[in-house]
């Protein structure tokens, strides 16, 4: 999964965007806590925020890998659920 850095003058901190399996997401850096977290959006699950589950990451790579593994799991489960409709 490719992370694209985006820098906004408003909050002076970079964020990284990604898209996989038609799910768009962002990884943010929290300066006060010195950690990273991700937020993902899709119509089937609305919003997924790693902070809501108490998960934050020490590096950008860790946050990216965690987001990607969650997306892969979600995509495989979604495929299995949809395959039952064919019977």
C-alpha atoms as a PDB file:
ATOM      1  CA  UNK A   1       0.000   0.000   0.000  1.00  0.00           C
ATOM      2  CA  UNK A   2       1.408   3.367  -1.004  1.00  0.00           C
ATOM      3  CA  UNK A   3       1.323   6.223   1.508  1.00  0.00           C
ATOM      4  CA  UNK A   4       1.160   9.682  -0.063  1.00  0.00           C
ATOM      5  CA  UNK A   5       2.344  12.537   2.174  1.00  0.00           C
ATOM      6  CA  UNK A   6       0.200  15.677   2.308  1.00  0.00           C
ATOM      7  CA  UNK A   7       1.197  18.827   4.159  1.00  0.00           C
ATOM      8  CA  UNK A   8      -1.285  21.498   5.208  1.00  0.00           C
ATOM      9  CA  UNK A   9      -0.279  24.933   6.480  1.00  0.00           C
ATOM     10  CA  UNK A  10      -3.289  25.015   8.791  1.00  0.00           C
ATOM     11  CA  UNK A  11      -2.112  22.462  11.353  1.00  0.00           C
ATOM     12  CA  UNK A  12       1.611  22.411  10.427  1.00  0.00           C
ATOM     13  CA  UNK A  13       1.758  18.621  10.576  1.00  0.00           C
ATOM     14  CA  UNK A  14       1.873  16.179   7.691  1.00  0.00           C
ATOM     15  CA  UNK A  15      -0.662  13.483   7.053  1.00  0.00           C
ATOM     16  CA  UNK A  16      -0.423  10.484   4.781  1.00  0.00           C
ATOM     17  CA  UNK A  17      -3.223   9.288   2.542  1.00  0.00           C
ATOM     18  CA  UNK A  18      -3.808   5.816   1.160  1.00  0.00           C
ATOM     19  CA  UNK A  19      -6.416   3.909  -0.791  1.00  0.00           C
ATOM     20  CA  UNK A  20      -6.866   0.163  -1.061  1.00  0.00           C
ATOM     21  CA  UNK A  21      -9.890  -2.001  -1.950  1.00  0.00           C
ATOM     22  CA  UNK A  22     -11.877   1.235  -2.544  1.00  0.00           C
ATOM     23  CA  UNK A  23     -11.320   2.290   1.074  1.00  0.00           C
ATOM     24  CA  UNK A  24      -9.752   5.703   1.577  1.00  0.00           C
ATOM     25  CA  UNK A  25      -7.764   6.466   4.664  1.00  0.00           C
ATOM     26  CA  UNK A  26      -5.358   8.813   6.356  1.00  0.00           C
ATOM     27  CA  UNK A  27      -2.572   8.425   8.875  1.00  0.00           C
ATOM     28  CA  UNK A  28      -2.086  11.330  11.257  1.00  0.00           C
ATOM     29  CA  UNK A  29       0.791  12.263  13.537  1.00  0.00           C
ATOM     30  CA  UNK A  30       0.043  13.516  17.054  1.00  0.00           C
ATOM     31  CA  UNK A  31       2.842  15.802  18.146  1.00  0.00           C
ATOM     32  CA  UNK A  32       1.909  15.937  21.848  1.00  0.00           C
ATOM     33  CA  UNK A  33       1.873  12.128  22.218  1.00  0.00           C
ATOM     34  CA  UNK A  34       4.564  11.536  19.566  1.00  0.00           C
ATOM     35  CA  UNK A  35       2.599   8.753  17.878  1.00  0.00           C
ATOM     36  CA  UNK A  36       0.569   7.939  14.760  1.00  0.00           C
ATOM     37  CA  UNK A  37      -3.009   6.775  14.220  1.00  0.00           C
ATOM     38  CA  UNK A  38      -5.163   5.950  11.210  1.00  0.00           C
ATOM     39  CA  UNK A  39      -8.684   6.796  10.085  1.00  0.00           C
ATOM     40  CA  UNK A  40     -10.462   4.926   7.269  1.00  0.00           C
ATOM     41  CA  UNK A  41     -13.790   5.540   5.530  1.00  0.00           C
ATOM     42  CA  UNK A  42     -16.049   3.325   3.449  1.00  0.00           C
ATOM     43  CA  UNK A  43     -19.852   3.223   3.032  1.00  0.00           C
ATOM     44  CA  UNK A  44     -20.088  -0.293   4.504  1.00  0.00           C
ATOM     45  CA  UNK A  45     -18.411   0.551   7.822  1.00  0.00           C
ATOM     46  CA  UNK A  46     -18.600   4.386   7.848  1.00  0.00           C
ATOM     47  CA  UNK A  47     -15.433   5.336   9.769  1.00  0.00           C
ATOM     48  CA  UNK A  48     -12.729   3.258  11.419  1.00  0.00           C
ATOM     49  CA  UNK A  49     -10.436   5.104  13.819  1.00  0.00           C
ATOM     50  CA  UNK A  50      -7.571   3.288  15.538  1.00  0.00           C
ATOM     51  CA  UNK A  51      -7.802   5.614  18.561  1.00  0.00           C
ATOM     52  CA  UNK A  52     -11.349   4.405  19.272  1.00  0.00           C
ATOM     53  CA  UNK A  53      -9.849   0.962  19.878  1.00  0.00           C
ATOM     54  CA  UNK A  54      -6.998   2.359  21.955  1.00  0.00           C
ATOM     55  CA  UNK A  55      -4.387   1.711  19.286  1.00  0.00           C
ATOM     56  CA  UNK A  56      -1.653   4.172  18.429  1.00  0.00           C
ATOM     57  CA  UNK A  57       1.655   3.443  16.739  1.00  0.00           C
ATOM     58  CA  UNK A  58       5.219   4.575  17.302  1.00  0.00           C
ATOM     59  CA  UNK A  59       6.152   4.819  13.620  1.00  0.00           C
ATOM     60  CA  UNK A  60       4.541   5.574  10.297  1.00  0.00           C
ATOM     61  CA  UNK A  61       5.434   2.105   9.026  1.00  0.00           C
ATOM     62  CA  UNK A  62       3.683   0.401  11.955  1.00  0.00           C
ATOM     63  CA  UNK A  63       0.523   2.455  11.400  1.00  0.00           C
ATOM     64  CA  UNK A  64       0.582   1.687   7.670  1.00  0.00           C
ATOM     65  CA  UNK A  65       1.046  -2.049   8.226  1.00  0.00           C
ATOM     66  CA  UNK A  66      -1.739  -2.158  10.823  1.00  0.00           C
ATOM     67  CA  UNK A  67      -4.145  -0.302   8.523  1.00  0.00           C
ATOM     68  CA  UNK A  68      -3.260  -2.547   5.601  1.00  0.00           C
ATOM     69  CA  UNK A  69      -3.688  -5.763   7.594  1.00  0.00           C
ATOM     70  CA  UNK A  70      -7.090  -4.592   8.868  1.00  0.00           C
ATOM     71  CA  UNK A  71      -8.128  -3.725   5.294  1.00  0.00           C
ATOM     72  CA  UNK A  72      -7.026  -7.129   4.000  1.00  0.00           C
ATOM     73  CA  UNK A  73      -8.970  -8.891   6.753  1.00  0.00           C
ATOM     74  CA  UNK A  74     -12.076  -6.780   6.087  1.00  0.00           C
ATOM     75  CA  UNK A  75     -11.822  -7.430   2.336  1.00  0.00           C
ATOM     76  CA  UNK A  76     -11.481 -11.201   2.755  1.00  0.00           C
ATOM     77  CA  UNK A  77     -14.430 -11.372   5.177  1.00  0.00           C
ATOM     78  CA  UNK A  78     -16.549  -9.189   2.901  1.00  0.00           C
ATOM     79  CA  UNK A  79     -15.786 -11.507  -0.019  1.00  0.00           C
ATOM     80  CA  UNK A  80     -16.790 -14.577   1.990  1.00  0.00           C
ATOM     81  CA  UNK A  81     -20.045 -12.982   3.125  1.00  0.00           C
ATOM     82  CA  UNK A  82     -20.920 -11.934  -0.424  1.00  0.00           C
ATOM     83  CA  UNK A  83     -20.119 -15.404  -1.763  1.00  0.00           C
ATOM     84  CA  UNK A  84     -22.864 -16.928   0.404  1.00  0.00           C
ATOM     85  CA  UNK A  85     -25.420 -14.875  -1.537  1.00  0.00           C
ATOM     86  CA  UNK A  86     -24.611 -16.855  -4.684  1.00  0.00           C
ATOM     87  CA  UNK A  87     -26.103 -20.073  -3.274  1.00  0.00           C
END
